[in-house]
């Protein structure tokens, strides 16, 4: 993963990904167990392999995705707000989003949306916004 020259921390990067994936799962106002399970499997199988960043405790920083997702699920902010925060971060740190990272972001979001009874209208709209953003 390319490092952004200003104020990059791996934790921030993964926190914002957690916000995005929460927004996708909560788009229909309900976070399903299957969506949480899909996220955790994807973090384990894909995101942990993308870099070797560790947090202050020596844990792979990619686990921040799950930590922030769980916190958001518990506190239930508006999915649109969580998406907007990711979008702002994405625009402020474009060099962090290499083609490989963009592909994995899309694959993860799409998998979460499809994990419970297919994609509903709210999820399709959010995925459309994400696809448009990732093309920037």
N, C-alpha and C. Protein backbone atom coordinates (compact mmCIF):
# COMPACT_ATOMS: atom_id res chain seq x y z
N UNK A 1 0.85 -1.16 0.00
CA UNK A 1 0.00 0.00 0.00
C UNK A 1 0.90 1.23 0.00
N UNK A 2 0.59 2.19 -0.85
CA UNK A 2 1.37 3.41 -0.90
C UNK A 2 1.08 4.25 0.34
N UNK A 3 2.11 4.90 0.83
CA UNK A 3 1.92 5.76 2.00
C UNK A 3 1.63 7.17 1.55
N UNK A 4 0.63 7.77 2.14
CA UNK A 4 0.29 9.16 1.86
C UNK A 4 1.28 10.02 2.62
N UNK A 5 1.68 11.13 2.03
CA UNK A 5 2.71 11.93 2.65
C UNK A 5 2.24 12.72 3.85
N UNK A 6 0.95 13.01 3.94
CA UNK A 6 0.51 13.79 5.09
C UNK A 6 -0.43 13.00 5.98
N UNK A 7 -0.07 12.99 7.24
CA UNK A 7 -0.89 12.46 8.33
C UNK A 7 -1.52 11.08 8.08
N UNK A 8 -0.76 10.18 7.52
CA UNK A 8 -1.27 8.83 7.33
C UNK A 8 -0.99 7.98 8.56
N UNK A 9 -2.00 7.29 9.02
CA UNK A 9 -1.77 6.21 9.96
C UNK A 9 -2.60 5.03 9.47
N UNK A 10 -2.06 3.85 9.66
CA UNK A 10 -2.78 2.65 9.24
C UNK A 10 -4.11 2.56 9.97
N UNK A 11 -4.12 2.94 11.26
CA UNK A 11 -5.37 2.87 12.02
C UNK A 11 -6.44 3.73 11.37
N UNK A 12 -6.10 4.97 10.98
CA UNK A 12 -7.07 5.86 10.33
C UNK A 12 -7.62 5.23 9.06
N UNK A 13 -6.73 4.67 8.28
CA UNK A 13 -7.12 4.04 7.02
C UNK A 13 -8.16 2.95 7.29
N UNK A 14 -7.85 2.06 8.21
CA UNK A 14 -8.74 0.94 8.48
C UNK A 14 -10.02 1.37 9.21
N UNK A 15 -9.94 2.40 10.03
CA UNK A 15 -11.14 2.94 10.67
C UNK A 15 -12.12 3.42 9.61
N UNK A 16 -11.61 4.11 8.60
CA UNK A 16 -12.50 4.62 7.56
C UNK A 16 -13.06 3.49 6.69
N UNK A 17 -12.29 2.44 6.49
CA UNK A 17 -12.83 1.28 5.79
C UNK A 17 -13.94 0.64 6.63
N UNK A 18 -13.75 0.58 7.93
CA UNK A 18 -14.79 0.05 8.81
C UNK A 18 -16.07 0.85 8.69
N UNK A 19 -15.92 2.18 8.57
CA UNK A 19 -17.10 3.04 8.40
C UNK A 19 -17.82 2.73 7.09
N UNK A 20 -17.04 2.55 6.03
CA UNK A 20 -17.65 2.23 4.74
C UNK A 20 -18.40 0.90 4.81
N UNK A 21 -17.76 -0.12 5.33
CA UNK A 21 -18.39 -1.44 5.35
C UNK A 21 -19.60 -1.47 6.29
N UNK A 22 -19.56 -0.69 7.37
CA UNK A 22 -20.74 -0.54 8.22
C UNK A 22 -21.86 0.11 7.41
N UNK A 23 -21.54 1.17 6.67
CA UNK A 23 -22.56 1.88 5.88
C UNK A 23 -23.24 0.93 4.91
N UNK A 24 -22.47 0.06 4.29
CA UNK A 24 -23.05 -0.90 3.35
C UNK A 24 -23.97 -1.87 4.10
N UNK A 25 -23.49 -2.42 5.19
CA UNK A 25 -24.28 -3.40 5.94
C UNK A 25 -25.54 -2.77 6.54
N UNK A 26 -25.44 -1.51 6.96
CA UNK A 26 -26.56 -0.85 7.64
C UNK A 26 -27.43 -0.04 6.68
N UNK A 27 -27.16 -0.09 5.41
CA UNK A 27 -27.91 0.71 4.43
C UNK A 27 -29.42 0.49 4.54
N UNK A 28 -29.80 -0.74 4.85
CA UNK A 28 -31.23 -1.06 4.97
C UNK A 28 -31.71 -0.98 6.42
N UNK A 29 -30.92 -0.33 7.25
CA UNK A 29 -31.23 -0.08 8.68
C UNK A 29 -31.10 -1.30 9.57
N UNK A 30 -30.66 -2.45 9.02
CA UNK A 30 -30.47 -3.66 9.82
C UNK A 30 -29.15 -4.30 9.43
N UNK A 31 -28.26 -4.50 10.41
CA UNK A 31 -27.01 -5.22 10.15
C UNK A 31 -27.27 -6.69 10.49
N UNK A 32 -27.17 -7.52 9.48
CA UNK A 32 -27.46 -8.95 9.64
C UNK A 32 -26.21 -9.73 10.07
N UNK A 33 -26.43 -10.83 10.76
CA UNK A 33 -25.31 -11.68 11.18
C UNK A 33 -24.47 -12.13 9.99
N UNK A 34 -25.15 -12.43 8.87
CA UNK A 34 -24.42 -12.88 7.68
C UNK A 34 -23.48 -11.78 7.16
N UNK A 35 -23.91 -10.53 7.28
CA UNK A 35 -23.07 -9.41 6.82
C UNK A 35 -21.83 -9.28 7.70
N UNK A 36 -22.01 -9.43 9.00
CA UNK A 36 -20.90 -9.37 9.94
C UNK A 36 -19.93 -10.51 9.66
N UNK A 37 -20.47 -11.70 9.45
CA UNK A 37 -19.64 -12.87 9.17
C UNK A 37 -18.85 -12.70 7.88
N UNK A 38 -19.48 -12.17 6.86
CA UNK A 38 -18.79 -11.91 5.58
C UNK A 38 -17.65 -10.93 5.78
N UNK A 39 -17.90 -9.87 6.53
CA UNK A 39 -16.85 -8.89 6.81
C UNK A 39 -15.67 -9.56 7.51
N UNK A 40 -15.95 -10.32 8.56
CA UNK A 40 -14.86 -10.94 9.33
C UNK A 40 -14.06 -11.92 8.49
N UNK A 41 -14.73 -12.69 7.66
CA UNK A 41 -14.02 -13.64 6.79
C UNK A 41 -13.15 -12.89 5.79
N UNK A 42 -13.66 -11.80 5.25
CA UNK A 42 -12.91 -11.04 4.25
C UNK A 42 -11.71 -10.35 4.89
N UNK A 43 -11.87 -9.82 6.09
CA UNK A 43 -10.72 -9.22 6.79
C UNK A 43 -9.66 -10.29 6.98
N UNK A 44 -10.07 -11.45 7.46
CA UNK A 44 -9.13 -12.53 7.75
C UNK A 44 -8.43 -13.04 6.48
N UNK A 45 -9.18 -13.23 5.41
CA UNK A 45 -8.63 -13.84 4.20
C UNK A 45 -7.97 -12.85 3.25
N UNK A 46 -8.40 -11.58 3.29
CA UNK A 46 -7.92 -10.62 2.30
C UNK A 46 -7.15 -9.44 2.89
N UNK A 47 -7.78 -8.72 3.83
CA UNK A 47 -7.19 -7.48 4.33
C UNK A 47 -5.93 -7.70 5.15
N UNK A 48 -5.85 -8.80 5.89
CA UNK A 48 -4.64 -9.06 6.69
C UNK A 48 -3.42 -9.29 5.80
N UNK A 49 -3.64 -9.67 4.56
CA UNK A 49 -2.54 -9.96 3.64
C UNK A 49 -2.05 -8.73 2.90
N UNK A 50 -2.78 -7.64 2.96
CA UNK A 50 -2.49 -6.49 2.11
C UNK A 50 -1.27 -5.70 2.58
N UNK A 51 -0.97 -5.72 3.85
CA UNK A 51 0.19 -4.98 4.34
C UNK A 51 0.66 -5.61 5.65
N UNK A 52 1.69 -5.00 6.24
CA UNK A 52 2.20 -5.53 7.49
C UNK A 52 2.14 -4.50 8.62
N UNK A 53 1.20 -3.57 8.52
CA UNK A 53 1.06 -2.56 9.56
C UNK A 53 0.56 -3.21 10.85
N UNK A 54 1.14 -2.77 11.96
CA UNK A 54 0.71 -3.24 13.28
C UNK A 54 0.23 -2.04 14.07
N UNK A 55 -0.72 -2.28 14.97
CA UNK A 55 -1.16 -1.18 15.84
C UNK A 55 -0.22 -1.09 17.03
N UNK A 56 -0.54 -0.20 17.96
CA UNK A 56 0.34 0.03 19.10
C UNK A 56 0.51 -1.20 19.99
N UNK A 57 -0.36 -2.18 19.85
CA UNK A 57 -0.27 -3.40 20.65
C UNK A 57 0.36 -4.55 19.87
N UNK A 58 0.82 -4.29 18.65
CA UNK A 58 1.44 -5.32 17.84
C UNK A 58 0.45 -6.19 17.09
N UNK A 59 -0.82 -5.81 17.10
CA UNK A 59 -1.85 -6.54 16.38
C UNK A 59 -1.94 -6.01 14.96
N UNK A 60 -2.23 -6.87 14.01
CA UNK A 60 -2.37 -6.41 12.63
C UNK A 60 -3.41 -5.30 12.58
N UNK A 61 -3.03 -4.17 12.02
CA UNK A 61 -3.90 -2.98 11.99
C UNK A 61 -5.19 -3.22 11.22
N UNK A 62 -5.21 -4.18 10.31
CA UNK A 62 -6.43 -4.45 9.54
C UNK A 62 -7.60 -4.86 10.43
N UNK A 63 -7.30 -5.36 11.63
CA UNK A 63 -8.39 -5.70 12.54
C UNK A 63 -9.18 -4.46 12.97
N UNK A 64 -8.62 -3.26 12.75
CA UNK A 64 -9.36 -2.03 13.05
C UNK A 64 -10.67 -1.99 12.26
N UNK A 65 -10.68 -2.61 11.10
CA UNK A 65 -11.92 -2.65 10.30
C UNK A 65 -13.03 -3.29 11.13
N UNK A 66 -12.75 -4.43 11.72
CA UNK A 66 -13.76 -5.13 12.53
C UNK A 66 -14.10 -4.36 13.80
N UNK A 67 -13.09 -3.79 14.43
CA UNK A 67 -13.30 -3.08 15.69
C UNK A 67 -14.23 -1.89 15.48
N UNK A 68 -13.95 -1.08 14.47
CA UNK A 68 -14.80 0.09 14.23
C UNK A 68 -16.18 -0.33 13.74
N UNK A 69 -16.24 -1.37 12.91
CA UNK A 69 -17.54 -1.89 12.45
C UNK A 69 -18.39 -2.28 13.64
N UNK A 70 -17.81 -3.05 14.57
CA UNK A 70 -18.56 -3.50 15.76
C UNK A 70 -19.02 -2.31 16.60
N UNK A 71 -18.13 -1.33 16.76
CA UNK A 71 -18.48 -0.15 17.55
C UNK A 71 -19.63 0.61 16.89
N UNK A 72 -19.56 0.78 15.58
CA UNK A 72 -20.62 1.47 14.86
C UNK A 72 -21.94 0.70 14.94
N UNK A 73 -21.85 -0.60 14.80
CA UNK A 73 -23.06 -1.42 14.88
C UNK A 73 -23.74 -1.24 16.24
N UNK A 74 -22.93 -1.15 17.27
CA UNK A 74 -23.47 -0.97 18.62
C UNK A 74 -24.08 0.42 18.80
N UNK A 75 -23.47 1.43 18.20
CA UNK A 75 -23.89 2.81 18.41
C UNK A 75 -24.85 3.34 17.34
N UNK A 76 -25.00 2.59 16.26
CA UNK A 76 -25.98 2.84 15.21
C UNK A 76 -26.05 4.28 14.66
N UNK A 77 -24.92 4.80 14.18
CA UNK A 77 -25.02 6.11 13.51
C UNK A 77 -25.70 5.95 12.15
N UNK A 78 -26.04 7.05 11.53
CA UNK A 78 -26.65 7.00 10.20
C UNK A 78 -25.65 6.40 9.21
N UNK A 79 -26.07 5.41 8.43
CA UNK A 79 -25.16 4.84 7.44
C UNK A 79 -24.64 5.90 6.46
N UNK A 80 -25.49 6.85 6.11
CA UNK A 80 -25.07 7.91 5.18
C UNK A 80 -23.94 8.75 5.74
N UNK A 81 -23.95 8.99 7.04
CA UNK A 81 -22.87 9.74 7.68
C UNK A 81 -21.57 8.95 7.64
N UNK A 82 -21.65 7.66 7.94
CA UNK A 82 -20.47 6.81 7.90
C UNK A 82 -19.89 6.77 6.48
N UNK A 83 -20.76 6.67 5.48
CA UNK A 83 -20.29 6.66 4.09
C UNK A 83 -19.63 7.99 3.75
N UNK A 84 -20.23 9.10 4.15
CA UNK A 84 -19.68 10.42 3.85
C UNK A 84 -18.30 10.61 4.47
N UNK A 85 -18.12 10.08 5.68
CA UNK A 85 -16.81 10.17 6.33
C UNK A 85 -15.76 9.36 5.56
N UNK A 86 -16.15 8.19 5.07
CA UNK A 86 -15.24 7.42 4.23
C UNK A 86 -14.92 8.19 2.95
N UNK A 87 -15.95 8.73 2.32
CA UNK A 87 -15.78 9.46 1.06
C UNK A 87 -14.81 10.64 1.22
N UNK A 88 -14.96 11.37 2.30
CA UNK A 88 -14.08 12.50 2.57
C UNK A 88 -12.63 12.03 2.74
N UNK A 89 -12.44 10.96 3.50
CA UNK A 89 -11.11 10.39 3.73
C UNK A 89 -10.51 9.93 2.39
N UNK A 90 -11.30 9.27 1.59
CA UNK A 90 -10.87 8.77 0.28
C UNK A 90 -10.35 9.93 -0.58
N UNK A 91 -11.09 11.02 -0.59
CA UNK A 91 -10.71 12.18 -1.41
C UNK A 91 -9.48 12.90 -0.85
N UNK A 92 -9.29 12.84 0.46
CA UNK A 92 -8.14 13.49 1.09
C UNK A 92 -6.85 12.66 0.97
N UNK A 93 -6.99 11.36 0.76
CA UNK A 93 -5.83 10.46 0.74
C UNK A 93 -5.86 9.55 -0.49
N UNK A 94 -5.92 10.12 -1.68
CA UNK A 94 -6.07 9.27 -2.87
C UNK A 94 -4.92 8.30 -3.11
N UNK A 95 -3.72 8.65 -2.68
CA UNK A 95 -2.58 7.77 -2.95
C UNK A 95 -2.64 6.47 -2.15
N UNK A 96 -3.47 6.42 -1.12
CA UNK A 96 -3.60 5.18 -0.34
C UNK A 96 -4.44 4.14 -1.08
N UNK A 97 -5.22 4.61 -2.02
CA UNK A 97 -6.16 3.73 -2.71
C UNK A 97 -5.62 3.32 -4.08
N UNK A 98 -4.68 2.39 -4.02
CA UNK A 98 -4.09 1.84 -5.23
C UNK A 98 -5.15 1.02 -5.96
N UNK A 99 -4.90 0.66 -7.21
CA UNK A 99 -5.88 -0.20 -7.90
C UNK A 99 -6.19 -1.49 -7.12
N UNK A 100 -5.18 -2.09 -6.50
CA UNK A 100 -5.40 -3.31 -5.72
C UNK A 100 -6.31 -3.03 -4.53
N UNK A 101 -6.08 -1.93 -3.83
CA UNK A 101 -6.90 -1.59 -2.67
C UNK A 101 -8.33 -1.26 -3.10
N UNK A 102 -8.48 -0.50 -4.18
CA UNK A 102 -9.82 -0.17 -4.68
C UNK A 102 -10.59 -1.45 -5.01
N UNK A 103 -9.91 -2.38 -5.66
CA UNK A 103 -10.56 -3.64 -6.03
C UNK A 103 -11.02 -4.40 -4.78
N UNK A 104 -10.18 -4.41 -3.76
CA UNK A 104 -10.53 -5.12 -2.54
C UNK A 104 -11.64 -4.39 -1.77
N UNK A 105 -11.63 -3.07 -1.79
CA UNK A 105 -12.71 -2.29 -1.18
C UNK A 105 -14.03 -2.66 -1.85
N UNK A 106 -14.03 -2.66 -3.18
CA UNK A 106 -15.26 -2.99 -3.91
C UNK A 106 -15.72 -4.42 -3.62
N UNK A 107 -14.77 -5.35 -3.69
CA UNK A 107 -15.10 -6.76 -3.48
C UNK A 107 -15.70 -6.98 -2.09
N UNK A 108 -15.13 -6.31 -1.08
CA UNK A 108 -15.62 -6.46 0.28
C UNK A 108 -17.02 -5.87 0.43
N UNK A 109 -17.20 -4.65 -0.07
CA UNK A 109 -18.52 -3.99 0.03
C UNK A 109 -19.59 -4.79 -0.71
N UNK A 110 -19.26 -5.24 -1.90
CA UNK A 110 -20.21 -6.01 -2.70
C UNK A 110 -20.56 -7.33 -2.01
N UNK A 111 -19.58 -7.99 -1.42
CA UNK A 111 -19.82 -9.26 -0.71
C UNK A 111 -20.71 -9.06 0.50
N UNK A 112 -20.49 -7.98 1.23
CA UNK A 112 -21.32 -7.69 2.41
C UNK A 112 -22.78 -7.49 1.96
N UNK A 113 -22.95 -6.68 0.93
CA UNK A 113 -24.31 -6.39 0.44
C UNK A 113 -25.02 -7.64 -0.05
N UNK A 114 -24.29 -8.55 -0.66
CA UNK A 114 -24.89 -9.76 -1.24
C UNK A 114 -25.06 -10.89 -0.23
N UNK A 115 -24.53 -10.74 0.97
CA UNK A 115 -24.48 -11.86 1.90
C UNK A 115 -25.82 -12.24 2.53
N UNK A 116 -26.78 -11.35 2.51
CA UNK A 116 -28.09 -11.68 3.08
C UNK A 116 -29.17 -11.42 2.04
N UNK A 117 -29.73 -12.47 1.51
CA UNK A 117 -30.88 -12.39 0.59
C UNK A 117 -30.65 -11.43 -0.57
N UNK A 118 -29.44 -11.39 -1.08
CA UNK A 118 -29.16 -10.51 -2.22
C UNK A 118 -29.12 -9.05 -1.82
N UNK A 119 -28.95 -8.20 -2.80
CA UNK A 119 -28.82 -6.77 -2.54
C UNK A 119 -30.18 -6.10 -2.61
N UNK A 120 -30.48 -5.28 -1.61
CA UNK A 120 -31.72 -4.54 -1.64
C UNK A 120 -31.48 -3.15 -2.24
N UNK A 121 -32.54 -2.38 -2.40
CA UNK A 121 -32.45 -1.09 -3.07
C UNK A 121 -31.47 -0.14 -2.38
N UNK A 122 -31.52 -0.08 -1.06
CA UNK A 122 -30.63 0.82 -0.31
C UNK A 122 -29.17 0.46 -0.55
N UNK A 123 -28.88 -0.84 -0.54
CA UNK A 123 -27.51 -1.29 -0.75
C UNK A 123 -27.06 -1.02 -2.19
N UNK A 124 -27.94 -1.24 -3.14
CA UNK A 124 -27.60 -0.98 -4.55
C UNK A 124 -27.27 0.49 -4.76
N UNK A 125 -28.03 1.37 -4.14
CA UNK A 125 -27.77 2.81 -4.26
C UNK A 125 -26.41 3.16 -3.66
N UNK A 126 -26.13 2.63 -2.48
CA UNK A 126 -24.85 2.90 -1.83
C UNK A 126 -23.69 2.31 -2.63
N UNK A 127 -23.86 1.11 -3.15
CA UNK A 127 -22.81 0.50 -3.97
C UNK A 127 -22.57 1.31 -5.25
N UNK A 128 -23.61 1.87 -5.80
CA UNK A 128 -23.48 2.72 -6.98
C UNK A 128 -22.65 3.96 -6.66
N UNK A 129 -22.92 4.57 -5.50
CA UNK A 129 -22.14 5.73 -5.07
C UNK A 129 -20.68 5.34 -4.85
N UNK A 130 -20.46 4.16 -4.27
CA UNK A 130 -19.09 3.69 -4.03
C UNK A 130 -18.37 3.44 -5.34
N UNK A 131 -19.04 2.80 -6.29
CA UNK A 131 -18.42 2.51 -7.59
C UNK A 131 -17.99 3.81 -8.26
N UNK A 132 -18.85 4.80 -8.22
CA UNK A 132 -18.55 6.11 -8.80
C UNK A 132 -17.35 6.75 -8.09
N UNK A 133 -17.32 6.66 -6.78
CA UNK A 133 -16.21 7.22 -6.00
C UNK A 133 -14.89 6.54 -6.34
N UNK A 134 -14.91 5.22 -6.44
CA UNK A 134 -13.69 4.47 -6.69
C UNK A 134 -13.11 4.72 -8.08
N UNK A 135 -13.91 5.27 -8.98
CA UNK A 135 -13.43 5.60 -10.32
C UNK A 135 -12.68 6.92 -10.34
N UNK A 136 -12.80 7.70 -9.27
CA UNK A 136 -12.12 9.00 -9.19
C UNK A 136 -10.64 8.85 -8.96
